N, C-alpha and C. Protein backbone atom coordinates (compact mmCIF):
# COMPACT_ATOMS: atom_id res chain seq x y z
N UNK A 1 99.10 -9.04 52.53
CA UNK A 1 99.80 -9.75 51.54
C UNK A 1 98.80 -10.47 50.66
N UNK A 2 99.06 -10.51 49.35
CA UNK A 2 98.17 -11.13 48.41
C UNK A 2 98.67 -12.56 48.10
N UNK A 3 97.83 -13.54 48.21
CA UNK A 3 98.16 -14.95 48.01
C UNK A 3 98.25 -15.23 46.50
N UNK A 4 99.31 -15.73 46.01
CA UNK A 4 99.45 -16.17 44.62
C UNK A 4 100.01 -17.59 44.58
N UNK A 5 99.73 -18.33 43.54
CA UNK A 5 100.25 -19.65 43.44
C UNK A 5 101.73 -19.64 43.17
N UNK A 6 102.45 -20.53 43.84
CA UNK A 6 103.92 -20.65 43.63
C UNK A 6 104.21 -21.58 42.44
N UNK A 7 105.31 -21.38 41.73
CA UNK A 7 105.70 -22.36 40.71
C UNK A 7 105.86 -23.73 41.32
N UNK A 8 105.64 -24.78 40.60
CA UNK A 8 105.63 -26.16 41.08
C UNK A 8 106.90 -26.50 41.84
N UNK A 9 108.06 -26.12 41.30
CA UNK A 9 109.32 -26.49 41.95
C UNK A 9 109.47 -25.75 43.31
N UNK A 10 108.98 -24.58 43.39
CA UNK A 10 109.06 -23.80 44.65
C UNK A 10 108.02 -24.28 45.62
N UNK A 11 106.81 -24.68 45.12
CA UNK A 11 105.82 -25.27 46.02
C UNK A 11 106.33 -26.57 46.64
N UNK A 12 107.07 -27.35 45.86
CA UNK A 12 107.61 -28.61 46.40
C UNK A 12 108.56 -28.32 47.57
N UNK A 13 109.40 -27.28 47.44
CA UNK A 13 110.30 -26.89 48.55
C UNK A 13 109.49 -26.45 49.74
N UNK A 14 108.45 -25.61 49.54
CA UNK A 14 107.65 -25.14 50.64
C UNK A 14 106.93 -26.26 51.33
N UNK A 15 106.44 -27.19 50.55
CA UNK A 15 105.71 -28.34 51.12
C UNK A 15 106.65 -29.23 51.97
N UNK A 16 107.83 -29.43 51.49
CA UNK A 16 108.86 -30.26 52.23
C UNK A 16 109.15 -29.60 53.54
N UNK A 17 109.42 -28.31 53.50
CA UNK A 17 109.69 -27.60 54.80
C UNK A 17 108.53 -27.61 55.72
N UNK A 18 107.29 -27.43 55.19
CA UNK A 18 106.07 -27.43 56.01
C UNK A 18 105.88 -28.79 56.66
N UNK A 19 106.29 -29.86 55.99
CA UNK A 19 106.12 -31.19 56.52
C UNK A 19 106.94 -31.46 57.77
N UNK A 20 107.88 -30.58 58.06
CA UNK A 20 108.71 -30.70 59.28
C UNK A 20 108.01 -30.14 60.50
N UNK A 21 106.84 -29.51 60.28
CA UNK A 21 106.00 -28.98 61.39
C UNK A 21 106.53 -27.70 62.01
N UNK A 22 107.37 -26.99 61.33
CA UNK A 22 107.99 -25.80 61.89
C UNK A 22 107.07 -24.58 61.94
N UNK A 23 105.95 -24.61 61.26
CA UNK A 23 105.02 -23.51 61.27
C UNK A 23 103.78 -23.77 62.08
N UNK A 24 103.91 -24.56 63.14
CA UNK A 24 102.82 -24.84 64.02
C UNK A 24 101.62 -25.53 63.38
N UNK A 25 101.88 -26.45 62.44
CA UNK A 25 100.82 -27.14 61.76
C UNK A 25 100.28 -26.39 60.56
N UNK A 26 100.74 -25.23 60.27
CA UNK A 26 100.32 -24.44 59.10
C UNK A 26 101.26 -24.77 57.96
N UNK A 27 100.80 -24.47 56.71
CA UNK A 27 101.61 -24.63 55.57
C UNK A 27 102.33 -23.35 55.13
N UNK A 28 103.54 -23.45 54.64
CA UNK A 28 104.23 -22.30 54.13
C UNK A 28 103.44 -21.73 52.96
N UNK A 29 103.33 -20.42 52.93
CA UNK A 29 102.61 -19.77 51.80
C UNK A 29 103.35 -18.52 51.29
N UNK A 30 104.63 -18.41 51.61
CA UNK A 30 105.41 -17.27 51.14
C UNK A 30 106.85 -17.75 50.98
N UNK A 31 107.40 -17.45 49.80
CA UNK A 31 108.82 -17.77 49.50
C UNK A 31 109.43 -16.53 48.87
N UNK A 32 110.62 -16.14 49.48
CA UNK A 32 111.36 -15.04 48.94
C UNK A 32 112.67 -15.65 48.39
N UNK A 33 112.96 -15.39 47.11
CA UNK A 33 114.16 -15.91 46.49
C UNK A 33 115.11 -14.73 46.29
N UNK A 34 116.33 -14.84 46.87
CA UNK A 34 117.32 -13.77 46.75
C UNK A 34 118.63 -14.38 46.24
N UNK A 35 119.30 -13.59 45.41
CA UNK A 35 120.68 -13.92 44.94
C UNK A 35 121.65 -12.98 45.53
N UNK A 36 122.74 -13.54 46.07
CA UNK A 36 123.81 -12.73 46.68
C UNK A 36 125.11 -13.10 45.96
N UNK A 37 125.78 -12.09 45.43
CA UNK A 37 127.11 -12.34 44.83
C UNK A 37 128.18 -12.03 45.85
N UNK A 38 129.38 -12.48 45.62
CA UNK A 38 130.46 -12.14 46.56
C UNK A 38 130.52 -10.65 46.80
N UNK A 39 130.61 -10.21 48.03
CA UNK A 39 130.67 -8.79 48.38
C UNK A 39 129.30 -8.20 48.65
N UNK A 40 128.24 -8.93 48.45
CA UNK A 40 126.90 -8.43 48.71
C UNK A 40 126.39 -9.01 50.04
N UNK A 41 125.52 -8.30 50.68
CA UNK A 41 124.93 -8.76 51.96
C UNK A 41 123.57 -8.08 52.17
N UNK A 42 123.16 -8.15 53.40
CA UNK A 42 121.92 -7.46 53.79
C UNK A 42 122.09 -6.94 55.19
N UNK A 43 121.78 -5.67 55.42
CA UNK A 43 122.03 -5.08 56.72
C UNK A 43 121.22 -5.75 57.82
N UNK A 44 121.66 -5.62 59.08
CA UNK A 44 120.92 -6.22 60.16
C UNK A 44 119.47 -5.69 60.23
N UNK A 45 118.55 -6.65 60.37
CA UNK A 45 117.11 -6.23 60.33
C UNK A 45 116.29 -7.30 61.01
N UNK A 46 115.05 -6.98 61.27
CA UNK A 46 114.04 -7.91 61.75
C UNK A 46 112.99 -8.02 60.67
N UNK A 47 112.34 -9.15 60.59
CA UNK A 47 111.39 -9.38 59.55
C UNK A 47 110.01 -8.78 59.78
N UNK A 48 109.66 -8.52 61.05
CA UNK A 48 108.43 -7.82 61.35
C UNK A 48 107.26 -8.76 61.68
N UNK A 49 106.11 -8.17 62.09
CA UNK A 49 105.01 -8.94 62.62
C UNK A 49 104.11 -9.61 61.56
N UNK A 50 104.34 -9.36 60.24
CA UNK A 50 103.51 -9.89 59.22
C UNK A 50 103.62 -11.42 59.17
N UNK A 51 104.75 -11.97 59.60
CA UNK A 51 105.03 -13.43 59.45
C UNK A 51 104.84 -14.20 60.71
N UNK A 52 104.54 -15.47 60.56
CA UNK A 52 104.54 -16.43 61.70
C UNK A 52 105.94 -16.37 62.27
N UNK A 53 106.07 -16.42 63.63
CA UNK A 53 107.40 -16.22 64.25
C UNK A 53 108.42 -17.38 64.06
N UNK A 54 108.46 -17.88 62.85
CA UNK A 54 109.46 -18.87 62.50
C UNK A 54 109.78 -18.55 61.01
N UNK A 55 111.08 -18.63 60.66
CA UNK A 55 111.53 -18.44 59.30
C UNK A 55 112.47 -19.57 58.95
N UNK A 56 112.37 -20.05 57.75
CA UNK A 56 113.28 -21.12 57.23
C UNK A 56 114.02 -20.58 56.00
N UNK A 57 115.24 -21.00 55.88
CA UNK A 57 116.02 -20.63 54.68
C UNK A 57 116.73 -21.83 54.10
N UNK A 58 116.51 -22.10 52.85
CA UNK A 58 117.36 -23.10 52.13
C UNK A 58 118.44 -22.34 51.42
N UNK A 59 119.70 -22.76 51.71
CA UNK A 59 120.87 -22.10 51.23
C UNK A 59 121.44 -22.83 50.04
N UNK A 60 121.48 -22.19 48.89
CA UNK A 60 121.96 -22.83 47.64
C UNK A 60 123.16 -22.09 47.10
N UNK A 61 124.07 -22.83 46.47
CA UNK A 61 125.27 -22.22 45.94
C UNK A 61 126.35 -22.12 46.96
N UNK A 62 126.81 -20.93 47.23
CA UNK A 62 127.87 -20.69 48.15
C UNK A 62 127.41 -20.74 49.61
N UNK A 63 128.39 -20.81 50.49
CA UNK A 63 128.13 -20.62 51.94
C UNK A 63 127.93 -19.15 52.21
N UNK A 64 127.57 -18.85 53.46
CA UNK A 64 127.61 -17.47 53.96
C UNK A 64 127.61 -17.56 55.50
N UNK A 65 127.93 -16.43 56.11
CA UNK A 65 127.76 -16.30 57.56
C UNK A 65 126.53 -15.45 57.77
N UNK A 66 125.61 -15.98 58.54
CA UNK A 66 124.46 -15.23 58.97
C UNK A 66 124.76 -14.70 60.40
N UNK A 67 124.80 -13.39 60.54
CA UNK A 67 125.19 -12.74 61.78
C UNK A 67 123.99 -12.31 62.60
N UNK A 68 124.13 -12.32 63.91
CA UNK A 68 123.06 -11.92 64.82
C UNK A 68 123.53 -10.77 65.66
N UNK A 69 122.61 -9.81 65.91
CA UNK A 69 122.95 -8.57 66.59
C UNK A 69 121.93 -8.25 67.69
N UNK A 70 122.42 -7.64 68.76
CA UNK A 70 121.53 -7.08 69.76
C UNK A 70 120.92 -5.82 69.12
N UNK A 71 119.58 -5.65 69.27
CA UNK A 71 118.94 -4.43 68.71
C UNK A 71 119.26 -3.21 69.60
N UNK A 72 119.11 -2.06 69.02
CA UNK A 72 119.18 -0.80 69.82
C UNK A 72 117.72 -0.48 70.11
N UNK A 73 117.32 -0.47 71.37
CA UNK A 73 115.92 -0.23 71.71
C UNK A 73 115.58 1.24 71.42
N UNK A 74 114.28 1.47 71.22
CA UNK A 74 113.84 2.89 70.99
C UNK A 74 114.15 3.71 72.23
N UNK A 75 114.06 3.13 73.42
CA UNK A 75 114.38 3.85 74.63
C UNK A 75 115.85 4.23 74.66
N UNK A 76 116.74 3.29 74.26
CA UNK A 76 118.15 3.60 74.23
C UNK A 76 118.41 4.76 73.23
N UNK A 77 117.76 4.71 72.10
CA UNK A 77 118.00 5.72 71.09
C UNK A 77 117.59 7.09 71.60
N UNK A 78 116.41 7.16 72.26
CA UNK A 78 115.91 8.46 72.71
C UNK A 78 116.64 8.99 73.95
N UNK A 79 117.14 8.07 74.82
CA UNK A 79 117.82 8.52 75.99
C UNK A 79 119.34 8.47 75.86
N UNK A 80 119.80 8.12 74.72
CA UNK A 80 121.26 8.08 74.54
C UNK A 80 121.93 6.89 75.18
N UNK A 81 121.14 5.83 75.38
CA UNK A 81 121.69 4.59 75.90
C UNK A 81 121.34 4.40 77.35
N UNK A 82 120.96 3.20 77.73
CA UNK A 82 120.55 2.93 79.08
C UNK A 82 121.38 1.84 79.77
N UNK A 83 122.12 1.10 79.02
CA UNK A 83 122.78 -0.01 79.64
C UNK A 83 123.92 -0.58 78.86
N UNK A 84 124.11 -1.90 78.97
CA UNK A 84 125.33 -2.49 78.42
C UNK A 84 125.26 -2.78 76.91
N UNK A 85 124.15 -2.60 76.21
CA UNK A 85 124.11 -2.90 74.79
C UNK A 85 124.84 -1.84 74.00
N UNK A 86 125.91 -2.21 73.33
CA UNK A 86 126.71 -1.25 72.58
C UNK A 86 125.95 -0.67 71.37
N UNK A 87 126.44 0.41 70.86
CA UNK A 87 125.70 1.13 69.79
C UNK A 87 126.21 0.80 68.42
N UNK A 88 127.44 0.38 68.21
CA UNK A 88 127.91 0.13 66.84
C UNK A 88 127.53 -1.31 66.42
N UNK A 89 127.38 -1.47 65.12
CA UNK A 89 127.03 -2.78 64.56
C UNK A 89 128.04 -3.81 64.99
N UNK A 90 129.32 -3.56 64.87
CA UNK A 90 130.35 -4.55 65.27
C UNK A 90 130.27 -4.87 66.74
N UNK A 91 129.98 -3.93 67.58
CA UNK A 91 129.90 -4.18 69.02
C UNK A 91 128.60 -4.94 69.33
N UNK A 92 127.55 -4.78 68.57
CA UNK A 92 126.28 -5.48 68.85
C UNK A 92 126.30 -6.89 68.31
N UNK A 93 127.19 -7.25 67.37
CA UNK A 93 127.28 -8.57 66.80
C UNK A 93 127.75 -9.55 67.87
N UNK A 94 126.91 -10.56 68.13
CA UNK A 94 127.27 -11.52 69.20
C UNK A 94 127.36 -12.98 68.75
N UNK A 95 126.85 -13.34 67.56
CA UNK A 95 126.82 -14.71 67.14
C UNK A 95 126.68 -14.80 65.62
N UNK A 96 127.18 -15.86 65.05
CA UNK A 96 127.05 -16.13 63.59
C UNK A 96 126.76 -17.63 63.40
N UNK A 97 126.08 -17.93 62.33
CA UNK A 97 125.92 -19.33 61.89
C UNK A 97 126.55 -19.41 60.49
N UNK A 98 127.34 -20.45 60.28
CA UNK A 98 127.84 -20.77 58.95
C UNK A 98 126.80 -21.56 58.22
N UNK A 99 126.27 -20.97 57.16
CA UNK A 99 125.28 -21.66 56.35
C UNK A 99 126.00 -22.29 55.17
N UNK A 100 125.99 -23.57 55.15
CA UNK A 100 126.65 -24.35 54.11
C UNK A 100 125.72 -24.54 52.92
N UNK A 101 126.27 -24.78 51.74
CA UNK A 101 125.41 -25.06 50.54
C UNK A 101 124.47 -26.25 50.83
N UNK A 102 123.25 -26.13 50.38
CA UNK A 102 122.23 -27.15 50.49
C UNK A 102 121.79 -27.41 51.96
N UNK A 103 121.96 -26.38 52.81
CA UNK A 103 121.57 -26.52 54.20
C UNK A 103 120.18 -25.82 54.38
N UNK A 104 119.50 -26.22 55.50
CA UNK A 104 118.27 -25.65 55.87
C UNK A 104 118.47 -24.99 57.23
N UNK A 105 118.12 -23.71 57.34
CA UNK A 105 118.20 -23.02 58.61
C UNK A 105 116.75 -22.79 59.09
N UNK A 106 116.45 -23.00 60.37
CA UNK A 106 115.19 -22.75 60.94
C UNK A 106 115.44 -21.79 62.13
N UNK A 107 114.84 -20.58 62.04
CA UNK A 107 114.97 -19.62 63.13
C UNK A 107 113.61 -19.39 63.73
N UNK A 108 113.58 -19.42 65.08
CA UNK A 108 112.32 -19.21 65.75
C UNK A 108 112.59 -18.61 67.12
N UNK A 109 111.52 -18.25 67.76
CA UNK A 109 111.54 -17.67 69.14
C UNK A 109 112.53 -16.54 69.21
N UNK A 110 113.36 -16.48 70.26
CA UNK A 110 114.23 -15.32 70.42
C UNK A 110 115.13 -15.05 69.22
N UNK A 111 115.67 -16.06 68.59
CA UNK A 111 116.62 -15.82 67.47
C UNK A 111 115.87 -15.14 66.34
N UNK A 112 114.64 -15.32 66.21
CA UNK A 112 113.86 -14.66 65.15
C UNK A 112 113.18 -13.37 65.63
N UNK A 113 112.66 -13.37 66.81
CA UNK A 113 111.83 -12.25 67.28
C UNK A 113 112.62 -11.19 68.05
N UNK A 114 113.67 -11.59 68.75
CA UNK A 114 114.33 -10.65 69.68
C UNK A 114 115.56 -10.02 69.05
N UNK A 115 116.27 -10.69 68.19
CA UNK A 115 117.54 -10.24 67.70
C UNK A 115 117.45 -9.87 66.19
N UNK A 116 118.34 -8.99 65.76
CA UNK A 116 118.43 -8.66 64.34
C UNK A 116 119.35 -9.69 63.70
N UNK A 117 119.16 -9.90 62.34
CA UNK A 117 119.99 -10.79 61.64
C UNK A 117 120.39 -10.10 60.32
N UNK A 118 121.58 -10.46 59.81
CA UNK A 118 122.06 -9.87 58.56
C UNK A 118 123.29 -10.59 58.07
N UNK A 119 123.69 -10.20 56.86
CA UNK A 119 124.88 -10.78 56.24
C UNK A 119 125.82 -9.70 55.81
N UNK A 120 127.04 -9.80 56.26
CA UNK A 120 128.02 -8.69 55.98
C UNK A 120 128.33 -8.71 54.47
N UNK A 121 128.52 -7.54 53.87
CA UNK A 121 128.84 -7.46 52.44
C UNK A 121 130.30 -7.68 52.18
N UNK A 122 130.76 -8.92 52.28
CA UNK A 122 132.19 -9.21 52.06
C UNK A 122 132.29 -10.34 51.04
N UNK A 123 133.46 -10.48 50.45
CA UNK A 123 133.73 -11.54 49.50
C UNK A 123 134.38 -12.77 50.16
N UNK A 124 134.79 -12.60 51.37
CA UNK A 124 135.49 -13.67 52.09
C UNK A 124 135.07 -13.62 53.54
N UNK A 125 134.77 -14.77 54.14
CA UNK A 125 134.39 -14.86 55.52
C UNK A 125 135.52 -15.49 56.31
N UNK A 126 135.71 -15.05 57.57
CA UNK A 126 136.69 -15.64 58.45
C UNK A 126 135.99 -16.29 59.59
N UNK A 127 136.28 -17.54 59.90
CA UNK A 127 135.66 -18.24 60.99
C UNK A 127 136.26 -17.72 62.31
N UNK A 128 135.41 -17.14 63.16
CA UNK A 128 135.82 -16.62 64.47
C UNK A 128 135.16 -17.42 65.58
N UNK A 129 135.44 -17.06 66.78
CA UNK A 129 134.82 -17.70 67.95
C UNK A 129 133.32 -17.44 68.00
N UNK A 130 132.82 -16.50 67.25
CA UNK A 130 131.39 -16.18 67.26
C UNK A 130 130.57 -17.14 66.34
N UNK A 131 131.25 -17.96 65.52
CA UNK A 131 130.54 -18.88 64.66
C UNK A 131 130.20 -20.11 65.44
N UNK A 132 128.89 -20.15 65.90
CA UNK A 132 128.45 -21.13 66.88
C UNK A 132 128.48 -22.54 66.37
N UNK A 133 128.30 -22.74 65.09
CA UNK A 133 128.22 -24.13 64.53
C UNK A 133 129.41 -24.46 63.70
N UNK A 134 130.53 -23.83 63.90
CA UNK A 134 131.75 -24.10 63.12
C UNK A 134 132.15 -25.58 63.20
N UNK A 135 132.19 -26.18 64.37
CA UNK A 135 132.54 -27.55 64.57
C UNK A 135 131.64 -28.52 63.81
N UNK A 136 130.37 -28.21 63.75
CA UNK A 136 129.38 -29.06 63.04
C UNK A 136 129.55 -28.95 61.51
N UNK A 137 130.22 -27.88 61.10
CA UNK A 137 130.42 -27.62 59.66
C UNK A 137 131.86 -27.93 59.20
N UNK A 138 132.62 -28.59 60.00
CA UNK A 138 134.04 -28.89 59.71
C UNK A 138 134.84 -27.61 59.38
N UNK A 139 134.54 -26.56 60.10
CA UNK A 139 135.27 -25.30 59.94
C UNK A 139 136.10 -25.09 61.20
N UNK A 140 137.29 -24.55 61.03
CA UNK A 140 138.14 -24.28 62.19
C UNK A 140 138.39 -22.80 62.35
N UNK A 141 138.62 -22.44 63.59
CA UNK A 141 138.92 -21.04 63.94
C UNK A 141 140.02 -20.51 63.02
N UNK A 142 139.74 -19.40 62.39
CA UNK A 142 140.76 -18.79 61.53
C UNK A 142 140.59 -19.15 60.08
N UNK A 143 139.75 -20.17 59.71
CA UNK A 143 139.54 -20.52 58.34
C UNK A 143 139.05 -19.30 57.57
N UNK A 144 139.55 -19.17 56.33
CA UNK A 144 139.11 -18.14 55.43
C UNK A 144 138.31 -18.81 54.33
N UNK A 145 137.06 -18.36 54.14
CA UNK A 145 136.18 -18.99 53.19
C UNK A 145 135.72 -17.97 52.14
N UNK A 146 136.12 -18.25 50.86
CA UNK A 146 135.76 -17.40 49.77
C UNK A 146 134.27 -17.64 49.40
N UNK A 147 133.55 -16.52 49.29
CA UNK A 147 132.13 -16.65 48.90
C UNK A 147 132.03 -16.73 47.38
N UNK A 148 131.05 -17.49 46.94
CA UNK A 148 130.66 -17.53 45.53
C UNK A 148 129.22 -16.94 45.47
N UNK A 149 128.54 -17.17 44.36
CA UNK A 149 127.16 -16.71 44.27
C UNK A 149 126.28 -17.65 45.12
N UNK A 150 125.36 -17.04 45.85
CA UNK A 150 124.49 -17.78 46.76
C UNK A 150 123.07 -17.39 46.42
N UNK A 151 122.18 -18.37 46.47
CA UNK A 151 120.76 -18.17 46.31
C UNK A 151 120.08 -18.65 47.61
N UNK A 152 119.24 -17.82 48.18
CA UNK A 152 118.51 -18.24 49.37
C UNK A 152 117.03 -18.34 49.05
N UNK A 153 116.41 -19.38 49.54
CA UNK A 153 114.96 -19.53 49.46
C UNK A 153 114.43 -19.36 50.90
N UNK A 154 113.88 -18.20 51.19
CA UNK A 154 113.32 -17.93 52.54
C UNK A 154 111.87 -18.29 52.49
N UNK A 155 111.52 -19.30 53.30
CA UNK A 155 110.22 -19.95 53.25
C UNK A 155 109.52 -19.64 54.60
N UNK A 156 108.28 -19.08 54.50
CA UNK A 156 107.60 -18.66 55.68
C UNK A 156 106.10 -18.94 55.59
N UNK A 157 105.44 -18.78 56.73
CA UNK A 157 103.97 -18.78 56.75
C UNK A 157 103.53 -17.37 57.07
N UNK A 158 102.61 -16.81 56.26
CA UNK A 158 102.00 -15.53 56.55
C UNK A 158 100.58 -15.83 56.98
N UNK A 159 100.24 -15.52 58.22
CA UNK A 159 98.87 -15.84 58.73
C UNK A 159 97.75 -15.13 58.05
N UNK A 160 97.95 -13.88 57.68
CA UNK A 160 96.83 -13.10 57.06
C UNK A 160 97.15 -12.75 55.62
N UNK A 161 96.40 -13.36 54.72
CA UNK A 161 96.60 -13.12 53.27
C UNK A 161 95.24 -12.81 52.60
N UNK A 162 95.31 -12.09 51.51
CA UNK A 162 94.16 -11.86 50.65
C UNK A 162 94.27 -12.82 49.48
N UNK A 163 93.16 -13.40 49.07
CA UNK A 163 93.16 -14.22 47.88
C UNK A 163 93.16 -13.28 46.65
N UNK A 164 93.94 -13.62 45.66
CA UNK A 164 94.07 -12.78 44.47
C UNK A 164 92.70 -12.46 43.86
N UNK A 165 91.82 -13.44 43.76
CA UNK A 165 90.54 -13.17 43.10
C UNK A 165 89.72 -12.17 43.84
N UNK A 166 89.78 -12.15 45.17
CA UNK A 166 89.08 -11.17 45.94
C UNK A 166 89.73 -9.77 45.78
N UNK A 167 91.03 -9.77 45.83
CA UNK A 167 91.80 -8.54 45.73
C UNK A 167 91.56 -7.85 44.41
N UNK A 168 91.44 -8.63 43.33
CA UNK A 168 91.27 -8.05 42.01
C UNK A 168 89.77 -7.85 41.66
N UNK A 169 88.89 -8.18 42.55
CA UNK A 169 87.48 -8.01 42.34
C UNK A 169 86.85 -9.10 41.50
N UNK A 170 87.52 -10.22 41.35
CA UNK A 170 86.98 -11.36 40.62
C UNK A 170 86.51 -12.43 41.58
N UNK A 171 85.53 -13.19 41.14
CA UNK A 171 85.10 -14.31 41.90
C UNK A 171 85.42 -15.62 41.18
N UNK A 172 85.81 -16.60 41.98
CA UNK A 172 86.08 -17.91 41.40
C UNK A 172 85.10 -18.94 41.85
């Protein structure tokens, strides 16, 4: 990854999150800005080994449900399944967090490294028994929540980066 300077407003967000100590004493140096409209989402995925094993997300605009899934192991794929982990996305979904506007989510350890996370492409979310933080968000079982436009600021620390000046062959 190539290190580039963040805009001042984004650097202020990264500095504030870094001051919480969530990156093991390191400073955030990567911010991904995404916009999601009602009906848009992101398939279940893992972020990979490039990043420090903690990710933070500032949620702006609308709420969303961030869903967590058991992965399908390579061994299960090659052997046609070895145990109790189901194969369909719906069957592998085991937990959700309701991300409210202006909230900060910090994922680390197993929730970041062991499980897949994603957002279903729907315009309306229903609060189910799988929404672990519903009570803390004043949401009740069965509530229907209409999505609006949401912007996420995913703030991370990338341990290995190249400085732009070195990458482009310039010296500073």
